Amino acid sequence: MARLAAHPPETLSHKLCDPKIMNKPFKTLSSKIAWSCPWYAVRQDEILLPDGSQGVYNTVTKATAVWILPVTPQKEIVLCYSYRYTVDDWCWELPAGGVKPGQTLAEAALEELHEEVGGVCESLEHLGQFYTANGICDEVGHFFLATAVTLGPTAHEPAELIEVHTKPIEDVLNMALAGQISDAPSALVLLQAAERLRRL
């Protein structure tokens, strides 16, 4: 059983940005779901703009997601090398996934760690959160540091083509700085956690 630290909020009752959120420059006149699938939906809003004109804004709505930064007892980071059909490319990434209904953020993080890299950790710590694509999507990502991670069998879904790799911390940080971690949330997590990783 992983030891949990720095428990995150399980629901986002606050915004991530400026207190100026209280001054909302757009007014929503109507809202409908234009299209949906099991993983996300497109919400179409009619809005009143600050200049008084009206417009339509389409937003991809997604459940909250988690990213996990796994570190082994040998001070190596566990990475996924994943094929992404959307961009027809293989990408270096951290384990990640959506939070299922009824799950806590920590439960989702532990589940994704196990499924994607076969990982079990001794300690799981919430480090922060961010918007993943705030120009088109309302998804919020939470990221966790998992330490003393040991690896076992994975539980990949049929559409998940994932190779599991371990690399020294400094090598992975250099990959992020060099642009070799092409999954943006994964690169952000690594760079935000860089000093913490160097202290392990």
Protein backbone atom coordinates (compact mmCIF):
# COMPACT_ATOMS: atom_id res chain seq x y z
CA MET A 1 0.00 0.00 0.00
CA ALA A 2 1.43 3.36 -1.04
CA ARG A 3 1.95 6.03 1.60
CA LEU A 4 0.09 9.18 0.52
CA ALA A 5 1.33 12.68 1.18
CA ALA A 6 0.19 16.24 0.42
CA HIS A 7 -3.37 15.21 -0.33
CA PRO A 8 -4.83 17.16 -3.28
CA PRO A 9 -8.34 18.58 -3.48
CA GLU A 10 -10.63 15.89 -4.82
CA THR A 11 -12.80 18.46 -6.56
CA LEU A 12 -11.76 21.77 -8.02
CA SER A 13 -13.74 24.27 -6.02
CA HIS A 14 -11.26 26.98 -7.00
CA LYS A 15 -9.68 28.25 -10.20
CA LEU A 16 -6.00 27.89 -10.96
CA CYS A 17 -5.37 31.43 -12.12
CA ASP A 18 -5.93 35.03 -11.07
CA PRO A 19 -8.57 36.30 -8.62
CA LYS A 20 -9.77 38.43 -11.54
CA ILE A 21 -11.83 35.34 -12.43
CA MET A 22 -14.53 37.09 -10.38
CA ASN A 23 -14.75 39.57 -13.26
CA LYS A 24 -16.02 37.30 -16.03
CA PRO A 25 -15.71 39.13 -19.36
CA PHE A 26 -17.83 36.61 -21.30
CA LYS A 27 -21.49 35.88 -20.56
CA THR A 28 -22.96 32.48 -21.48
CA LEU A 29 -26.36 32.86 -23.12
CA SER A 30 -27.04 29.18 -23.87
CA SER A 31 -25.20 25.89 -23.81
CA LYS A 32 -25.64 22.46 -25.41
CA ILE A 33 -23.64 19.30 -26.06
CA ALA A 34 -22.99 19.27 -29.80
CA TRP A 35 -21.21 15.89 -29.88
CA SER A 36 -19.97 13.30 -27.42
CA CYS A 37 -18.16 9.98 -27.11
CA PRO A 38 -17.20 7.90 -24.05
CA TRP A 39 -13.99 9.90 -23.55
CA TYR A 40 -14.97 13.53 -24.12
CA ALA A 41 -17.68 15.84 -25.43
CA VAL A 42 -17.93 19.09 -27.37
CA ARG A 43 -20.00 21.75 -25.61
CA GLN A 44 -21.28 24.58 -27.79
CA ASP A 45 -22.04 27.86 -26.04
CA GLU A 46 -23.65 31.01 -27.36
CA ILE A 47 -21.81 33.86 -25.64
CA LEU A 48 -21.92 37.60 -25.24
CA LEU A 49 -18.48 39.09 -25.87
CA PRO A 50 -16.98 42.07 -23.99
CA ASP A 51 -17.68 44.41 -26.93
CA GLY A 52 -21.38 43.54 -26.86
CA SER A 53 -21.36 41.25 -29.88
CA GLN A 54 -22.51 37.64 -29.77
CA GLY A 55 -20.53 34.56 -30.78
CA VAL A 56 -20.30 30.78 -30.52
CA TYR A 57 -17.58 29.04 -28.50
CA ASN A 58 -16.91 25.30 -28.75
CA THR A 59 -15.21 23.66 -25.77
CA VAL A 60 -13.93 20.11 -25.47
CA THR A 61 -15.05 18.88 -22.05
CA LYS A 62 -13.05 16.10 -20.41
CA ALA A 63 -12.82 14.49 -17.01
CA THR A 64 -9.96 15.42 -14.71
CA ALA A 65 -6.74 13.52 -15.48
CA VAL A 66 -3.60 12.48 -13.60
CA TRP A 67 0.07 12.27 -14.57
CA ILE A 68 2.46 10.17 -12.53
CA LEU A 69 6.21 10.74 -12.22
CA PRO A 70 7.54 7.31 -11.19
CA VAL A 71 11.02 6.98 -9.67
CA THR A 72 12.59 3.62 -8.86
CA PRO A 73 14.83 2.83 -5.86
CA GLN A 74 17.74 3.10 -8.33
CA LYS A 75 16.81 6.77 -8.94
CA GLU A 76 15.59 6.09 -12.45
CA ILE A 77 12.42 7.56 -13.99
CA VAL A 78 9.96 5.17 -15.59
CA LEU A 79 8.85 6.40 -19.03
CA CYS A 80 6.31 5.22 -21.57
CA TYR A 81 7.27 5.16 -25.24
CA SER A 82 3.78 5.26 -26.72
CA TYR A 83 2.40 5.19 -30.25
CA ARG A 84 -0.21 7.94 -30.65
CA TYR A 85 -2.60 7.40 -33.54
CA THR A 86 -3.73 11.03 -33.45
CA VAL A 87 -0.31 12.29 -34.53
CA ASP A 88 0.98 9.03 -36.10
CA ASP A 89 4.10 9.15 -33.97
CA TRP A 90 5.88 7.46 -31.07
CA CYS A 91 6.14 9.75 -28.05
CA TRP A 92 8.04 9.72 -24.78
CA GLU A 93 5.55 10.25 -21.97
CA LEU A 94 4.85 9.77 -18.30
CA PRO A 95 2.07 7.38 -17.26
CA ALA A 96 -1.25 9.22 -17.30
CA GLY A 97 -4.97 8.74 -17.55
CA GLY A 98 -8.43 9.98 -16.71
CA VAL A 99 -10.10 9.87 -13.32
CA LYS A 100 -13.04 7.48 -13.37
CA PRO A 101 -16.36 8.34 -11.67
CA GLY A 102 -16.11 7.61 -7.96
CA GLN A 103 -12.30 7.55 -7.92
CA THR A 104 -10.13 9.86 -5.89
CA LEU A 105 -7.18 11.47 -7.64
CA ALA A 106 -4.76 9.23 -5.73
CA GLU A 107 -6.71 6.08 -6.63
CA ALA A 108 -6.61 7.06 -10.30
CA ALA A 109 -2.87 7.74 -10.13
CA LEU A 110 -2.14 4.36 -8.54
CA GLU A 111 -4.33 2.60 -11.10
CA GLU A 112 -2.64 4.27 -14.09
CA LEU A 113 0.80 3.59 -12.63
CA HIS A 114 -0.06 -0.11 -12.42
CA GLU A 115 -1.82 -0.38 -15.78
CA GLU A 116 0.63 1.53 -17.95
CA VAL A 117 4.02 0.51 -16.50
CA GLY A 118 3.17 -2.28 -14.05
CA GLY A 119 4.27 -0.03 -11.22
CA VAL A 120 3.69 -0.24 -7.48
CA CYS A 121 5.03 2.54 -5.25
CA GLU A 122 5.80 3.00 -1.58
CA SER A 123 4.95 6.71 -1.56
CA LEU A 124 2.66 8.91 -3.66
CA GLU A 125 2.72 12.70 -3.35
CA HIS A 126 0.54 15.25 -5.11
CA LEU A 127 2.77 17.99 -6.52
CA GLY A 128 0.45 20.29 -8.45
CA GLN A 129 -2.10 20.82 -11.18
CA PHE A 130 -2.49 22.59 -14.51
CA TYR A 131 -4.84 23.12 -17.45
CA THR A 132 -3.86 20.73 -20.24
CA ALA A 133 -5.16 22.68 -23.27
CA ASN A 134 -6.94 25.78 -22.03
CA GLY A 135 -7.62 27.25 -25.48
CA ILE A 136 -10.01 24.46 -26.47
CA CYS A 137 -10.48 22.13 -23.48
CA ASP A 138 -11.53 22.35 -19.81
CA GLU A 139 -9.45 19.34 -18.67
CA VAL A 140 -7.45 19.78 -15.46
CA GLY A 141 -4.35 17.65 -14.94
CA HIS A 142 -2.98 16.71 -11.52
CA PHE A 143 0.55 15.37 -11.19
CA PHE A 144 2.00 13.05 -8.61
CA LEU A 145 5.48 11.94 -7.60
CA ALA A 146 5.62 8.19 -7.01
CA THR A 147 8.79 6.95 -5.30
CA ALA A 148 10.33 3.54 -4.61
CA VAL A 149 8.50 2.22 -7.66
CA THR A 150 8.90 -1.45 -8.53
CA LEU A 151 7.78 -2.81 -11.89
CA GLY A 152 5.72 -5.86 -12.77
CA PRO A 153 3.21 -6.93 -15.42
CA THR A 154 1.29 -4.16 -17.19
CA ALA A 155 -2.42 -4.11 -18.05
CA HIS A 156 -2.55 -2.27 -21.36
CA GLU A 157 -5.79 -1.72 -23.24
CA PRO A 158 -5.95 -3.00 -26.86
CA ALA A 159 -5.38 0.49 -28.30
CA GLU A 160 -2.41 1.17 -26.02
CA LEU A 161 0.95 0.47 -27.66
CA ILE A 162 3.40 1.23 -24.87
CA GLU A 163 7.03 0.28 -24.31
CA VAL A 164 8.21 0.72 -20.71
CA HIS A 165 11.70 2.20 -20.20
CA THR A 166 13.73 3.33 -17.18
CA LYS A 167 16.33 6.08 -17.49
CA PRO A 168 18.47 8.05 -15.00
CA ILE A 169 16.82 11.19 -13.65
CA GLU A 170 19.32 13.59 -15.20
CA ASP A 171 19.02 11.92 -18.60
CA VAL A 172 15.24 12.33 -18.58
CA LEU A 173 15.48 15.97 -17.49
CA ASN A 174 17.89 16.59 -20.34
CA MET A 175 15.43 14.93 -22.74
CA ALA A 176 12.72 17.35 -21.55
CA LEU A 177 15.01 20.35 -21.98
CA ALA A 178 16.04 19.18 -25.45
CA GLY A 179 12.43 18.81 -26.62
CA GLN A 180 12.60 15.02 -26.83
CA ILE A 181 9.62 14.62 -24.50
CA SER A 182 7.02 15.61 -27.11
CA ASP A 183 4.01 15.07 -24.83
CA ALA A 184 3.62 18.58 -23.41
CA PRO A 185 2.06 17.73 -20.02
CA SER A 186 4.79 15.15 -19.38
CA ALA A 187 7.50 17.68 -20.20
CA LEU A 188 5.85 20.26 -17.94
CA VAL A 189 5.67 17.82 -15.03
CA LEU A 190 9.33 16.88 -15.40
CA LEU A 191 10.53 20.48 -15.58
CA GLN A 192 8.36 21.61 -12.67
CA ALA A 193 9.63 18.72 -10.55
CA ALA A 194 13.27 18.97 -11.63
CA GLU A 195 14.68 20.37 -8.39
CA ARG A 196 12.65 17.93 -6.31
CA LEU A 197 13.96 15.03 -8.39
CA ARG A 198 17.56 16.13 -7.94
CA ARG A 199 17.08 16.05 -4.15
CA LEU A 200 15.96 12.40 -4.11
